[in-house]
Structure formats: structure tokens, C-alpha cells
N, C-alpha and C. Protein backbone atom coordinates (compact mmCIF):
# COMPACT_ATOMS: atom_id res chain seq x y z
N UNK A 1 117.27 93.83 118.37
CA UNK A 1 115.51 93.48 118.27
C UNK A 1 115.43 91.90 117.84
N UNK A 2 114.13 91.54 118.75
CA UNK A 2 113.95 89.92 117.86
C UNK A 2 112.92 90.66 117.10
N UNK A 3 113.22 89.44 116.01
CA UNK A 3 112.09 89.50 115.18
C UNK A 3 110.61 90.05 115.04
N UNK A 4 110.34 89.49 116.02
CA UNK A 4 108.88 90.26 116.29
C UNK A 4 108.98 91.24 116.43
N UNK A 5 109.76 91.63 117.09
CA UNK A 5 109.60 93.36 117.36
C UNK A 5 109.84 94.41 116.31
N UNK A 6 109.32 93.90 115.61
CA UNK A 6 110.76 94.76 113.97
C UNK A 6 108.82 94.62 113.10
N UNK A 7 107.77 93.92 113.42
CA UNK A 7 107.36 93.94 112.46
C UNK A 7 105.22 93.79 112.83
N UNK A 8 105.00 95.00 113.17
CA UNK A 8 103.75 95.79 113.62
C UNK A 8 102.50 94.93 112.96
N UNK A 9 101.57 94.87 113.44
CA UNK A 9 100.19 94.86 112.89
C UNK A 9 99.07 95.99 112.90
N UNK A 10 99.04 96.53 111.88
CA UNK A 10 98.43 97.88 111.77
C UNK A 10 96.73 97.37 111.69
N UNK A 11 96.11 97.79 112.53
CA UNK A 11 94.67 97.30 112.12
C UNK A 11 93.40 98.74 111.91
N UNK A 12 92.50 98.35 111.27
CA UNK A 12 91.91 99.41 110.76
C UNK A 12 90.35 99.19 111.93
N UNK A 13 90.11 100.92 111.10
CA UNK A 13 89.39 101.32 112.84
C UNK A 13 88.14 101.58 112.21
N UNK A 14 86.45 101.95 112.57
CA UNK A 14 85.69 102.08 112.23
C UNK A 14 85.82 103.25 111.50
N UNK A 15 86.38 104.46 111.89
CA UNK A 15 86.34 105.37 111.46
C UNK A 15 87.06 105.86 110.24
N UNK A 16 88.16 104.56 109.90
CA UNK A 16 88.30 104.45 108.47
C UNK A 16 88.10 104.54 107.26
N UNK A 17 86.47 104.29 107.64
CA UNK A 17 86.21 103.41 106.40
C UNK A 17 84.74 103.95 106.72
N UNK A 18 84.91 104.90 107.13
CA UNK A 18 83.78 106.38 107.30
C UNK A 18 83.66 107.20 105.88
N UNK A 19 82.80 107.40 105.28
CA UNK A 19 83.03 108.19 103.66
C UNK A 19 84.20 107.29 102.75
N UNK A 20 84.42 106.01 102.74
CA UNK A 20 85.66 105.91 101.97
C UNK A 20 85.09 106.09 100.31
N UNK A 21 86.32 106.21 99.88
CA UNK A 21 86.61 106.81 98.69
C UNK A 21 87.84 105.53 97.79
N UNK A 22 87.44 106.24 96.96
CA UNK A 22 89.16 105.62 96.03
C UNK A 22 90.70 106.05 96.62
N UNK A 23 90.67 107.42 96.85
CA UNK A 23 91.52 108.08 97.55
C UNK A 23 91.65 107.78 98.94
N UNK A 24 90.63 107.82 100.10
CA UNK A 24 90.79 107.36 100.98
C UNK A 24 91.22 106.48 100.88
N UNK A 25 91.39 105.21 100.36
CA UNK A 25 91.42 103.33 99.84
C UNK A 25 92.44 103.93 99.93
N UNK A 26 93.47 104.48 98.89
CA UNK A 26 94.55 104.88 98.16
C UNK A 26 96.01 105.40 99.94
N UNK A 27 95.13 106.19 99.74
CA UNK A 27 96.21 106.92 101.49
C UNK A 27 96.06 105.83 102.76
N UNK A 28 94.86 104.62 103.05
CA UNK A 28 95.02 104.39 103.82
C UNK A 28 95.76 102.83 103.41
N UNK A 29 96.27 102.76 102.45
CA UNK A 29 97.29 101.35 101.66
C UNK A 29 98.22 102.15 102.16
N UNK A 30 98.03 103.09 101.99
CA UNK A 30 99.98 103.81 102.53
C UNK A 30 100.00 103.60 103.59
N UNK A 31 99.10 104.39 105.17
CA UNK A 31 99.51 104.08 106.62
C UNK A 31 99.37 102.82 106.61
N UNK A 32 98.87 102.00 106.60
CA UNK A 32 98.91 100.41 106.18
C UNK A 32 99.97 100.01 106.34
N UNK A 33 100.35 99.95 104.76
CA UNK A 33 102.10 99.95 104.35
C UNK A 33 103.30 99.99 105.62
N UNK A 34 102.81 101.81 105.61
CA UNK A 34 104.15 102.29 106.29
C UNK A 34 103.99 101.55 107.29
N UNK A 35 103.22 101.83 107.94
CA UNK A 35 103.01 101.03 109.82
C UNK A 35 103.68 99.71 109.71
N UNK A 36 103.22 98.36 108.63
CA UNK A 36 104.15 97.34 108.47
C UNK A 36 105.12 97.01 108.13
N UNK A 37 106.26 98.25 107.59
CA UNK A 37 107.31 98.15 107.04
C UNK A 37 108.21 99.32 107.12
N UNK A 38 107.57 100.28 108.53
CA UNK A 38 108.85 101.22 108.76
C UNK A 38 109.97 100.80 109.29
N UNK A 39 109.42 99.79 110.02
CA UNK A 39 110.99 98.72 110.39
C UNK A 39 111.95 98.54 109.30
N UNK A 40 111.41 98.15 108.68
CA UNK A 40 112.02 97.91 107.76
C UNK A 40 112.49 98.48 106.59
N UNK A 41 112.16 100.16 105.59
CA UNK A 41 113.06 101.77 105.89
C UNK A 41 113.37 101.53 106.18
N UNK A 42 112.79 102.07 108.10
CA UNK A 42 114.37 102.30 109.02
C UNK A 42 115.70 101.79 109.03
N UNK A 43 115.79 100.16 108.66
CA UNK A 43 117.00 99.35 108.26
C UNK A 43 117.59 99.47 107.52
N UNK A 44 116.62 99.92 106.38
CA UNK A 44 117.69 99.95 105.10
C UNK A 44 118.28 101.19 105.29
N UNK A 45 117.25 102.68 105.46
CA UNK A 45 118.22 103.72 104.70
C UNK A 45 119.40 103.60 106.08
N UNK A 46 118.93 103.24 107.03
CA UNK A 46 120.51 103.39 108.39
C UNK A 46 121.82 102.55 107.35
N UNK A 47 120.95 101.80 106.56
CA UNK A 47 122.66 100.98 106.25
C UNK A 47 123.32 102.12 105.27
N UNK A 48 122.23 102.53 104.38
CA UNK A 48 123.28 103.34 102.87
C UNK A 48 123.68 104.46 103.24
N UNK A 49 123.09 104.80 104.59
CA UNK A 49 123.80 106.44 104.81
C UNK A 49 122.25 107.17 105.07
N UNK A 50 120.94 107.22 104.83
CA UNK A 50 120.01 107.94 104.50
C UNK A 50 119.64 108.54 105.79
N UNK A 51 119.11 109.68 105.66
CA UNK A 51 118.26 109.86 106.94
C UNK A 51 116.91 109.42 106.92
N UNK A 52 115.98 109.04 107.79
CA UNK A 52 115.10 108.04 108.09
C UNK A 52 114.25 108.31 109.04
N UNK A 53 113.92 110.26 109.26
CA UNK A 53 112.68 110.75 109.52
C UNK A 53 111.41 110.05 109.84
N UNK A 54 110.80 110.51 110.47
CA UNK A 54 108.92 109.58 110.26
C UNK A 54 108.78 110.36 108.23
N UNK A 55 109.10 110.75 107.96
CA UNK A 55 108.18 112.21 106.93
C UNK A 55 109.36 111.57 105.73
N UNK A 56 110.75 111.26 105.88
CA UNK A 56 110.92 110.97 104.81
C UNK A 56 111.22 109.33 104.79
N UNK A 57 110.29 108.74 105.26
CA UNK A 57 109.75 106.85 105.59
C UNK A 57 108.56 107.43 104.25
N UNK A 58 107.67 107.69 105.22
CA UNK A 58 106.12 108.17 104.77
C UNK A 58 106.58 108.15 103.24
N UNK A 59 107.70 109.36 102.86
CA UNK A 59 107.38 109.95 101.25
C UNK A 59 107.90 108.13 100.54
N UNK A 60 108.58 107.70 101.16
CA UNK A 60 109.40 106.25 100.47
C UNK A 60 108.44 105.56 100.00
N UNK A 61 107.01 105.29 101.69
CA UNK A 61 106.21 104.52 101.38
C UNK A 61 105.10 104.79 100.54
N UNK A 62 105.08 106.64 100.20
CA UNK A 62 103.75 107.13 99.46
C UNK A 62 103.95 106.89 98.28
N UNK A 63 105.77 106.96 97.20
CA UNK A 63 106.62 106.39 96.69
C UNK A 63 106.36 105.20 95.88
N UNK A 64 106.90 104.06 96.72
CA UNK A 64 106.71 102.70 96.68
C UNK A 64 105.33 102.79 95.67
N UNK A 65 104.27 102.65 96.75
CA UNK A 65 102.61 103.14 95.85
C UNK A 65 102.23 103.52 95.14
N UNK A 66 103.32 104.21 94.54
CA UNK A 66 102.96 104.81 93.34
C UNK A 66 103.39 104.75 92.36
N UNK A 67 104.89 103.63 92.45
CA UNK A 67 105.67 103.05 92.23
C UNK A 67 104.16 101.24 91.33
N UNK A 68 104.08 101.01 93.11
CA UNK A 68 103.82 100.25 92.17
C UNK A 68 102.27 100.20 91.68
N UNK A 69 101.18 101.53 91.76
CA UNK A 69 100.20 102.27 90.74
C UNK A 69 100.22 101.90 89.33
N UNK A 70 102.16 102.54 89.20
CA UNK A 70 102.11 102.91 87.99
C UNK A 70 102.57 101.56 87.07
N UNK A 71 103.30 100.16 88.02
CA UNK A 71 103.14 99.66 87.43
C UNK A 71 102.41 98.16 86.74
N UNK A 72 101.23 98.53 87.63
CA UNK A 72 99.86 97.81 87.96
C UNK A 72 99.30 98.16 86.99
N UNK A 73 99.62 99.57 85.75
CA UNK A 73 98.63 100.29 84.73
C UNK A 73 97.85 100.89 85.45
N UNK A 74 98.02 101.53 86.73
CA UNK A 74 96.26 101.86 87.62
C UNK A 74 97.55 103.93 87.63
N UNK A 75 96.63 104.29 87.71
CA UNK A 75 96.35 105.75 88.21
C UNK A 75 96.56 106.33 89.25
N UNK A 76 97.89 106.37 89.94
CA UNK A 76 97.92 106.55 91.40
C UNK A 76 97.10 107.77 92.03
N UNK A 77 96.60 108.81 91.23
CA UNK A 77 95.94 110.10 91.68
C UNK A 77 94.95 110.22 91.27
N UNK A 78 93.79 108.95 90.56
CA UNK A 78 93.07 109.11 90.55
C UNK A 78 92.18 106.76 90.78
N UNK A 79 92.77 106.65 91.65
CA UNK A 79 92.64 104.76 91.32
C UNK A 79 91.01 104.57 91.28
N UNK A 80 91.13 102.89 91.24
CA UNK A 80 90.37 102.26 91.16
C UNK A 80 89.90 101.53 92.50
N UNK A 81 89.23 100.75 92.05
CA UNK A 81 88.91 99.22 93.56
C UNK A 81 89.87 98.39 92.37
N UNK A 82 89.47 98.40 91.62
CA UNK A 82 90.23 97.30 90.85
C UNK A 82 92.46 97.26 90.62
N UNK A 83 92.52 98.86 90.37
CA UNK A 83 94.00 99.05 90.78
C UNK A 83 94.44 98.61 91.83
N UNK A 84 93.47 99.27 93.07
CA UNK A 84 94.07 99.49 94.32
C UNK A 84 94.12 97.66 94.95
N UNK A 85 93.52 96.98 93.74
CA UNK A 85 94.15 95.49 94.23
C UNK A 85 95.02 95.34 93.85
N UNK A 86 95.43 95.71 92.72
CA UNK A 86 96.76 95.06 91.75
C UNK A 86 97.56 96.08 92.58
N UNK A 87 97.54 96.70 92.79
CA UNK A 87 98.47 97.24 94.48
C UNK A 87 98.65 96.48 95.30
N UNK A 88 97.92 96.23 96.11
CA UNK A 88 97.95 95.36 96.74
C UNK A 88 98.61 94.09 97.31
N UNK A 89 98.64 93.36 95.28
CA UNK A 89 99.59 92.47 95.49
C UNK A 89 100.90 92.11 94.99
N UNK A 90 101.19 93.85 94.34
CA UNK A 90 102.46 94.18 94.21
C UNK A 90 103.34 93.85 95.80
N UNK A 91 102.67 94.98 96.76
CA UNK A 91 103.11 95.28 97.99
C UNK A 91 103.68 94.17 98.65
N UNK A 92 102.49 93.30 98.19
CA UNK A 92 102.76 91.94 99.26
C UNK A 92 104.12 91.42 98.48
N UNK A 93 103.93 91.04 97.48
CA UNK A 93 104.99 90.43 96.61
C UNK A 93 106.23 91.30 97.74
N UNK A 94 106.66 92.69 97.40
CA UNK A 94 107.46 93.18 98.25
C UNK A 94 107.96 92.58 99.06
N UNK A 95 107.19 92.66 100.15
CA UNK A 95 107.00 92.75 101.37
C UNK A 95 108.10 91.30 101.92
N UNK A 96 107.57 90.50 100.74
CA UNK A 96 108.03 88.47 101.09
C UNK A 96 109.58 89.30 100.54
N UNK A 97 109.69 89.44 100.02
CA UNK A 97 110.79 89.80 99.35
C UNK A 97 112.22 90.26 100.12
N UNK A 98 111.50 90.83 101.36
CA UNK A 98 112.01 91.11 102.01
C UNK A 98 112.52 91.10 103.63
N UNK A 99 111.41 90.07 103.50
CA UNK A 99 112.03 88.94 104.15
C UNK A 99 109.93 89.03 105.40
N UNK A 100 109.89 89.79 105.22
CA UNK A 100 108.61 90.36 105.89
C UNK A 100 107.63 88.72 106.42
N UNK A 101 107.47 88.54 107.67
CA UNK A 101 106.92 87.46 107.66
C UNK A 101 105.08 86.86 106.84
N UNK A 102 105.21 85.31 106.32
CA UNK A 102 103.50 85.86 105.51
C UNK A 102 102.29 85.44 106.68
N UNK A 103 102.71 85.76 107.78
CA UNK A 103 100.89 86.21 108.67
C UNK A 103 101.03 87.16 108.55
N UNK A 104 102.94 88.13 108.29
CA UNK A 104 102.16 89.87 108.83
C UNK A 104 101.57 90.06 106.99
N UNK A 105 102.57 89.54 106.05
CA UNK A 105 101.74 89.82 105.09
C UNK A 105 100.44 89.99 104.98
N UNK A 106 99.58 88.58 105.19
CA UNK A 106 98.60 87.64 105.21
C UNK A 106 97.54 88.92 106.42
N UNK A 107 98.17 89.45 107.39
CA UNK A 107 97.24 90.08 108.29
C UNK A 107 96.96 91.05 107.23
N UNK A 108 97.98 91.81 107.25
CA UNK A 108 97.54 93.74 106.35
C UNK A 108 96.77 93.38 105.10
N UNK A 109 97.34 91.90 104.49
CA UNK A 109 95.88 92.07 102.76
C UNK A 109 94.55 91.80 103.71
N UNK A 110 94.52 91.16 104.80
CA UNK A 110 93.23 91.31 104.96
C UNK A 110 92.68 92.51 105.33
N UNK A 111 93.95 93.20 105.81
CA UNK A 111 93.00 95.05 105.71
C UNK A 111 92.90 95.34 104.78
N UNK A 112 93.18 95.45 103.82
CA UNK A 112 93.71 96.56 102.92
C UNK A 112 91.52 95.69 101.98
N UNK A 113 92.20 94.59 102.26
CA UNK A 113 90.92 93.70 101.73
C UNK A 113 89.64 94.16 101.82
N UNK A 114 89.72 94.77 103.44
CA UNK A 114 88.21 95.20 104.01
C UNK A 114 88.01 96.13 103.59
N UNK A 115 89.15 97.36 103.10
CA UNK A 115 89.24 98.56 103.01
C UNK A 115 88.41 98.45 101.06
N UNK A 116 88.94 97.70 100.52
CA UNK A 116 88.47 97.81 98.51
C UNK A 116 86.89 97.13 98.88
N UNK A 117 86.54 96.35 100.11
CA UNK A 117 84.80 95.85 100.25
C UNK A 117 83.70 96.70 100.11
N UNK A 118 84.44 97.53 100.86
CA UNK A 118 83.79 99.22 101.31
C UNK A 118 83.58 99.53 100.22
N UNK A 119 84.71 99.52 98.98
CA UNK A 119 84.67 100.78 97.59
C UNK A 119 83.38 100.29 96.79
N UNK A 120 82.76 101.18 95.74
CA UNK A 120 81.40 100.70 95.52
C UNK A 120 82.47 100.19 94.10
């Protein structure tokens, strides 16, 4: 598999931004991180012999976002705009440490910033 094929660019759509709440923003961050890092998770899980169904990977991504929220002093269940902005930075650093190209990281940070800007 070519390197370019391993990283997908997730795009927001206008419907994603309708009736945006901090909880919906958190869930969109999970969706974004899932789409952007799915191949990374599949490969890592395959190397250690762990199942990699979509549900398993989604659960791992959600756990990663939960952990990032905890690390930044946020509340995963009751997120805030400020807390989600901190989570975004943690996830970007993790992605970089996994070898995700910087242009992919910046693209997804931009998508998440659009979400965060819509929050009151």
C-alpha cells in the first residue's frame, strides 16, 4: 500500500454543524480521528494479533479521545469548547508520533477548528 493511500482526509459537511453542541463536537472529533487514523489502528492491532473490526477500532479511537480529555483535565462526558481544543492538540501530537504526515494533521485540525468555532 502506498503511503498516500494510508491516510484519508475527513471532510465536514454542513449537516455536521447543525445544532452543534459540545457533545456533538466531541463525537465529530472521534469521527474525524477515526477516519484519519483508521489505517494506523488496523496496522497496529494486526501487529499484536488483535481483532480490527470497525467497531473495535472506533472503540479504541473513542478511548483515545477519552484519555486525551482526562490528560488535559477535561470531562469527556461534559466537554467544553476549551477542553476540546486541548484534546485536539493532544491528538495532533499523538498522530505526529505515529508518523502521520503533517499536511494530514493540519487538514484535520482545520476541520476540528471549524467545529469548535461554531460552539458558543
